[in-house]
Amino acid sequence: MRPKEPKVGVLARARSLLGLHPVTRLRRAGRGSRGLVRCTLVVLALTVLAVEVPSLQARAAGIAGGPARLRVHFIDVGQGDAVLVEAPSGKTMLIDGGPPESSDRLVEYLKVHGVSKLDVVVSTHPHADHIGGLIEVLREFKVGLVVDSGKVHTTATYERFLSLIDEKGIDFRLGRAGGDIDLGPGVEARILSPVEPLPENINDCSVVIRLRYGTTSFLFTGDAERDAEDAMLRRGVELGATVLKVAHHGSSTSSKPWFLEEVKPAVAVILVGAGNPFGHPHRVTLMNLAEHTDEIYRTDTHGDVLVVTDGTTFQVSTAR
């Protein structure tokens, strides 16, 4: 059925919220995909949205009965992290929620994308730039499960986050290496870090997740720093990923060359705020990434970044 035309002015707003740019890159997924020939596609789907948003199940099923698709949204929340995963099954997972000041933007983004409930919310670690926006998310959406690092942190933000989980009776579980997250058939979501005993450094307690769908894989690293990266390398966990969510907003404390050599990402995405006072992303990290990946996307430059995959090929779209 042909979608209704959006009202005047709505398309521009929808385009911004949906995190799509009319040009995407199509590539074959899998390790060793660097250097493959790319072709440019025109994305016509931008006109389909403002009045009616399809269900997540319909969106995941693809067009005209085509291959089921997994969508990963790297949401521009300023200086913070927020990643939405839409699985082919229709299940959803939100990894972090950005800072408190971006919570309204995050909630609106989720609603525009047809999210009415979240099967899983992951709090990678208890810093406010990762969990601040989750408080409003817990208020606005039905949440099935919260996965948390379990690192003790006595800030008012983290205490309010835990209180809301308790008040709403949301299932709660600690994220530990070796654990799995259920996102439905065909999708593997494995927790790679942390392990007990938890390190003193809160960033190194980050819940690190490797997501795989077909030959396409994603590595979500929270704010994991060098010690956490080295610990995963020593344990010999599978780190290879098509798409890397760059740790700690591109800080010099993360993304060491030997770690990137093991990941071998075709695409790296940095969630970072424009003009932030921390100097993120660091120039050394950018140089390291440039030596180990084909494409680098930044939310301060590109806005929202969307990766869509059928498990074999993948497309990257940006808001600008």
Protein backbone atom coordinates (compact mmCIF):
# COMPACT_ATOMS: atom_id res chain seq x y z
CA MET A 1 0.00 0.00 0.00
CA ARG A 2 1.36 3.38 -0.97
CA PRO A 3 2.23 5.48 2.10
CA LYS A 4 0.54 8.81 2.66
CA GLU A 5 2.50 11.89 1.75
CA PRO A 6 3.85 13.73 4.81
CA LYS A 7 2.63 17.20 5.57
CA VAL A 8 4.76 20.17 4.57
CA GLY A 9 7.73 20.54 6.91
CA VAL A 10 7.40 17.09 8.45
CA LEU A 11 9.84 15.40 6.08
CA ALA A 12 12.75 17.56 7.14
CA ARG A 13 12.04 16.82 10.80
CA ALA A 14 11.58 13.12 10.11
CA ARG A 15 14.81 12.97 8.15
CA SER A 16 16.67 14.41 11.12
CA LEU A 17 15.05 12.09 13.63
CA LEU A 18 15.39 8.96 11.52
CA GLY A 19 19.10 9.36 11.10
CA LEU A 20 19.03 8.74 7.34
CA HIS A 21 20.83 10.45 4.51
CA PRO A 22 19.82 9.89 0.89
CA VAL A 23 23.15 8.21 0.12
CA THR A 24 24.24 4.93 1.66
CA ARG A 25 27.09 2.53 1.08
CA LEU A 26 26.39 -1.14 0.36
CA ARG A 27 29.08 -3.63 1.23
CA ARG A 28 29.52 -7.33 1.80
CA ALA A 29 29.97 -8.13 5.47
CA GLY A 30 32.38 -10.38 7.29
CA ARG A 31 35.93 -10.22 8.48
CA GLY A 32 38.43 -9.26 5.84
CA SER A 33 35.85 -7.03 4.12
CA ARG A 34 38.14 -4.01 4.07
CA GLY A 35 38.95 -2.76 0.62
CA LEU A 36 35.92 -4.30 -1.13
CA VAL A 37 34.37 -2.34 -3.97
CA ARG A 38 31.43 -0.21 -2.83
CA CYS A 39 28.44 0.97 -4.76
CA THR A 40 26.34 4.02 -3.99
CA LEU A 41 22.60 3.62 -3.62
CA VAL A 42 19.85 6.19 -3.48
CA VAL A 43 17.66 5.65 -0.44
CA LEU A 44 14.04 6.36 -1.33
CA ALA A 45 12.61 5.30 2.01
CA LEU A 46 12.96 8.77 3.49
CA THR A 47 9.54 9.72 2.14
CA VAL A 48 7.87 6.94 4.06
CA LEU A 49 7.48 8.11 7.53
CA ALA A 50 5.96 11.11 9.17
CA VAL A 51 2.31 10.07 9.23
CA GLU A 52 2.58 6.32 9.76
CA VAL A 53 5.55 4.41 11.21
CA PRO A 54 5.61 0.69 10.30
CA SER A 55 5.78 -1.90 13.06
CA LEU A 56 9.23 -3.13 14.03
CA GLN A 57 8.33 -6.59 12.75
CA ALA A 58 7.36 -5.20 9.34
CA ARG A 59 10.50 -3.05 9.19
CA ALA A 60 12.71 -5.98 10.15
CA ALA A 61 11.13 -8.23 7.51
CA GLY A 62 12.43 -6.05 4.69
CA ILE A 63 10.65 -5.04 1.52
CA ALA A 64 8.36 -7.35 -0.48
CA GLY A 65 9.30 -10.42 1.49
CA GLY A 66 13.03 -9.87 1.08
CA PRO A 67 15.65 -11.01 3.59
CA ALA A 68 14.98 -10.13 7.22
CA ARG A 69 17.10 -7.21 8.31
CA LEU A 70 18.82 -6.16 11.49
CA ARG A 71 19.08 -2.44 12.18
CA VAL A 72 21.55 -0.76 14.48
CA HIS A 73 21.06 2.94 15.24
CA PHE A 74 23.95 4.95 16.65
CA ILE A 75 21.95 7.85 18.05
CA ASP A 76 23.35 11.36 18.31
CA VAL A 77 22.87 12.25 21.98
CA GLY A 78 25.78 14.68 22.21
CA GLN A 79 28.63 13.69 24.50
CA GLY A 80 27.37 10.24 25.40
CA ASP A 81 26.34 6.84 24.07
CA ALA A 82 22.98 5.49 22.91
CA VAL A 83 22.58 2.57 20.50
CA LEU A 84 19.28 0.98 19.43
CA VAL A 85 19.27 -2.55 18.02
CA GLU A 86 16.20 -3.76 16.10
CA ALA A 87 16.45 -7.53 15.56
CA PRO A 88 14.72 -9.36 12.67
CA SER A 89 12.42 -10.96 15.25
CA GLY A 90 11.11 -7.53 16.23
CA LYS A 91 12.93 -7.59 19.56
CA THR A 92 14.69 -4.40 20.59
CA MET A 93 17.73 -3.60 22.71
CA LEU A 94 18.91 -0.17 23.82
CA ILE A 95 22.56 0.05 24.85
CA ASP A 96 22.99 3.12 27.08
CA GLY A 97 20.92 6.30 26.96
CA GLY A 98 23.27 9.26 26.77
CA PRO A 99 23.35 12.19 29.23
CA PRO A 100 20.26 13.53 31.04
CA GLU A 101 20.08 16.64 28.85
CA SER A 102 19.56 14.49 25.74
CA SER A 103 16.80 12.31 27.18
CA ASP A 104 13.95 14.12 25.37
CA ARG A 105 15.70 13.74 22.05
CA LEU A 106 16.35 10.04 22.71
CA VAL A 107 12.75 9.31 23.69
CA GLU A 108 11.44 11.12 20.61
CA TYR A 109 13.87 9.24 18.36
CA LEU A 110 12.68 5.90 19.74
CA LYS A 111 9.02 6.80 19.32
CA VAL A 112 9.49 8.04 15.76
CA HIS A 113 11.04 4.66 14.97
CA GLY A 114 7.98 2.84 16.24
CA VAL A 115 9.45 1.66 19.53
CA SER A 116 6.70 1.11 22.10
CA LYS A 117 8.64 -1.24 24.35
CA LEU A 118 12.24 -2.31 24.84
CA ASP A 119 12.98 -5.97 25.39
CA VAL A 120 16.44 -5.24 26.77
CA VAL A 121 18.12 -2.13 28.13
CA VAL A 122 21.87 -2.36 28.75
CA SER A 123 23.63 -0.01 31.14
CA THR A 124 27.25 -0.55 30.17
CA HIS A 125 28.54 1.32 33.23
CA PRO A 126 27.12 3.90 35.66
CA HIS A 127 28.52 7.17 34.30
CA ALA A 128 25.88 9.84 33.66
CA ASP A 129 26.75 10.25 29.96
CA HIS A 130 25.63 6.65 29.47
CA ILE A 131 22.75 6.20 31.92
CA GLY A 132 21.39 9.73 32.37
CA GLY A 133 18.91 9.37 29.52
CA LEU A 134 17.88 5.89 30.61
CA ILE A 135 15.88 7.30 33.52
CA GLU A 136 13.41 8.93 31.14
CA VAL A 137 13.43 5.81 28.96
CA LEU A 138 12.38 3.68 31.94
CA ARG A 139 9.57 6.14 32.64
CA GLU A 140 8.31 6.28 29.04
CA PHE A 141 8.65 2.69 27.82
CA LYS A 142 7.84 -0.79 29.00
CA VAL A 143 11.18 -2.54 29.56
CA GLY A 144 11.55 -6.31 29.80
CA LEU A 145 15.09 -6.65 31.16
CA VAL A 146 17.90 -4.41 32.36
CA VAL A 147 21.47 -5.69 32.02
CA ASP A 148 23.87 -3.73 34.21
CA SER A 149 27.59 -3.79 34.98
CA GLY A 150 26.88 -3.99 38.70
CA LYS A 151 29.73 -1.61 39.46
CA VAL A 152 28.88 0.23 42.68
CA HIS A 153 28.48 3.96 42.05
CA THR A 154 26.81 6.26 44.56
CA THR A 155 25.74 9.15 42.34
CA ALA A 156 22.15 10.37 42.52
CA THR A 157 21.71 9.54 38.83
CA TYR A 158 22.66 5.89 39.26
CA GLU A 159 20.65 5.52 42.47
CA ARG A 160 17.57 6.93 40.71
CA PHE A 161 18.15 4.53 37.82
CA LEU A 162 18.24 1.54 40.18
CA SER A 163 15.21 2.81 42.12
CA LEU A 164 13.13 3.03 38.94
CA ILE A 165 14.03 -0.53 38.01
CA ASP A 166 12.83 -1.66 41.42
CA GLU A 167 9.68 0.49 41.37
CA LYS A 168 8.60 -0.85 37.98
CA GLY A 169 9.48 -4.46 38.77
CA ILE A 170 11.80 -4.76 35.78
CA ASP A 171 13.88 -7.92 35.57
CA PHE A 172 17.51 -7.15 36.40
CA ARG A 173 20.65 -9.06 35.64
CA LEU A 174 24.38 -8.49 35.83
CA GLY A 175 26.27 -8.46 32.55
CA ARG A 176 29.21 -10.84 32.80
CA ALA A 177 31.54 -12.38 30.22
CA GLY A 178 30.04 -15.51 28.70
CA GLY A 179 26.43 -14.43 29.15
CA ASP A 180 24.00 -14.22 26.24
CA ILE A 181 21.17 -11.80 25.49
CA ASP A 182 18.09 -13.17 23.70
CA LEU A 183 17.20 -11.13 20.63
CA GLY A 184 15.40 -13.90 18.79
CA PRO A 185 16.36 -16.48 16.14
CA GLY A 186 19.42 -15.88 14.02
CA VAL A 187 20.97 -13.21 16.22
CA GLU A 188 23.76 -13.97 18.68
CA ALA A 189 24.46 -11.37 21.37
CA ARG A 190 27.34 -12.46 23.59
CA ILE A 191 28.76 -10.52 26.54
CA LEU A 192 32.58 -10.45 26.39
CA SER A 193 33.38 -8.32 29.44
CA PRO A 194 33.63 -7.68 32.37
CA VAL A 195 34.71 -10.63 34.51
CA GLU A 196 34.82 -10.99 38.28
CA PRO A 197 36.37 -9.46 40.27
CA LEU A 198 35.45 -6.13 38.76
CA PRO A 199 38.32 -3.69 38.20
CA GLU A 200 38.54 -0.42 40.12
CA ASN A 201 38.29 1.68 36.96
CA ILE A 202 34.58 2.18 36.24
CA ASN A 203 35.19 2.44 32.50
CA ASP A 204 36.90 -0.95 32.48
CA CYS A 205 33.75 -2.43 34.06
CA SER A 206 31.85 -1.65 30.86
CA VAL A 207 29.56 -4.37 29.55
CA VAL A 208 31.05 -5.24 26.16
CA ILE A 209 28.76 -7.03 23.69
CA ARG A 210 29.48 -8.75 20.38
CA LEU A 211 26.41 -9.04 18.18
CA ARG A 212 26.35 -11.34 15.16
CA TYR A 213 23.76 -11.74 12.43
CA GLY A 214 24.85 -13.95 9.55
CA THR A 215 28.32 -12.81 8.53
CA THR A 216 27.78 -9.28 9.87
CA SER A 217 28.97 -8.53 13.39
CA PHE A 218 29.04 -5.56 15.74
CA LEU A 219 31.24 -4.85 18.76
CA PHE A 220 29.79 -2.49 21.38
CA THR A 221 32.51 -1.48 23.82
CA GLY A 222 31.01 1.09 26.19
CA ASP A 223 33.90 3.07 27.65
CA ALA A 224 36.27 0.09 27.96
CA GLU A 225 39.87 1.27 28.21
CA ARG A 226 43.24 -0.35 27.57
CA ASP A 227 43.17 -2.72 30.57
CA ALA A 228 39.79 -4.11 29.56
CA GLU A 229 40.89 -4.43 25.94
CA ASP A 230 44.05 -6.28 26.99
CA ALA A 231 42.07 -8.57 29.31
CA MET A 232 39.79 -9.62 26.45
CA LEU A 233 42.80 -10.27 24.23
CA ARG A 234 44.43 -12.43 26.92
CA ARG A 235 41.26 -14.48 27.33
CA GLY A 236 41.15 -15.08 23.59
CA VAL A 237 37.53 -14.04 23.07
CA GLU A 238 36.22 -13.53 19.55
CA LEU A 239 36.56 -9.80 18.86
CA GLY A 240 36.29 -9.66 15.08
CA ALA A 241 33.58 -7.26 13.98
CA THR A 242 32.28 -5.68 10.81
CA VAL A 243 31.22 -2.57 12.74
CA LEU A 244 32.97 -1.25 15.84
CA LYS A 245 31.37 1.16 18.30
CA VAL A 246 34.57 2.97 19.27
CA ALA A 247 35.16 2.90 23.02
CA HIS A 248 35.05 5.96 25.28
CA HIS A 249 34.06 8.46 22.57
CA GLY A 250 37.44 8.09 20.85
CA SER A 251 39.55 8.78 23.95
CA SER A 252 43.28 8.07 23.82
CA THR A 253 42.77 5.56 26.66
CA SER A 254 41.05 3.11 24.30
CA SER A 255 41.26 1.62 20.80
CA LYS A 256 44.89 0.58 20.98
CA PRO A 257 46.46 -0.65 17.70
CA TRP A 258 46.81 -4.26 18.89
CA PHE A 259 43.15 -4.33 19.87
CA LEU A 260 42.01 -2.88 16.54
CA GLU A 261 44.20 -5.40 14.73
CA GLU A 262 42.16 -8.18 16.32
CA VAL A 263 38.79 -6.51 15.66
CA LYS A 264 39.56 -5.63 12.02
CA PRO A 265 36.46 -3.45 11.59
CA ALA A 266 35.24 -2.38 8.17
CA VAL A 267 33.39 0.52 9.82
CA ALA A 268 34.04 2.42 13.06
CA VAL A 269 31.44 4.67 14.70
CA ILE A 270 32.35 7.27 17.33
CA LEU A 271 29.55 8.62 19.53
CA VAL A 272 30.80 12.03 20.60
CA GLY A 273 29.54 15.55 21.26
CA ALA A 274 30.54 18.53 19.14
CA GLY A 275 32.97 20.87 20.90
CA ASN A 276 33.20 18.65 23.97
CA PRO A 277 35.72 19.74 26.66
CA PHE A 278 37.59 16.40 26.68
CA GLY A 279 39.20 16.62 23.27
CA HIS A 280 37.29 13.55 22.03
CA PRO A 281 38.02 11.97 19.67
CA HIS A 282 41.76 12.11 20.27
CA ARG A 283 43.97 12.57 17.20
CA VAL A 284 46.05 9.48 18.08
CA THR A 285 42.90 7.37 18.24
CA LEU A 286 41.77 8.74 14.89
CA MET A 287 45.14 7.81 13.40
CA ASN A 288 44.91 4.31 14.87
CA LEU A 289 41.43 3.88 13.45
CA ALA A 290 42.45 5.17 10.03
CA GLU A 291 45.10 2.45 9.86
CA HIS A 292 42.66 -0.33 10.75
CA THR A 293 39.32 0.50 9.13
CA ASP A 294 37.83 1.71 5.86
CA GLU A 295 35.26 4.15 7.18
CA ILE A 296 34.97 6.30 10.31
CA TYR A 297 31.66 7.91 11.25
CA ARG A 298 31.19 10.46 14.03
CA THR A 299 27.90 11.60 15.50
CA ASP A 300 29.26 15.13 15.98
CA THR A 301 29.87 15.30 12.23
CA HIS A 302 27.39 12.87 10.67
CA GLY A 303 24.56 12.97 13.21
CA ASP A 304 22.68 9.70 13.69
CA VAL A 305 24.29 6.72 11.98
CA LEU A 306 22.20 3.74 10.88
CA VAL A 307 23.60 0.36 9.82
CA VAL A 308 21.17 -2.07 8.15
CA THR A 309 22.16 -5.64 7.29
CA ASP A 310 20.51 -8.73 5.87
CA GLY A 311 23.30 -10.78 7.42
CA THR A 312 25.38 -10.79 4.23
CA THR A 313 25.63 -7.19 3.06
CA PHE A 314 25.22 -3.99 5.01
CA GLN A 315 24.37 -0.35 4.37
CA VAL A 316 25.46 2.71 6.31
CA SER A 317 23.23 5.80 6.33
CA THR A 318 23.80 9.10 8.11
CA ALA A 319 21.64 12.06 9.07
CA ARG A 320 24.00 14.51 7.40
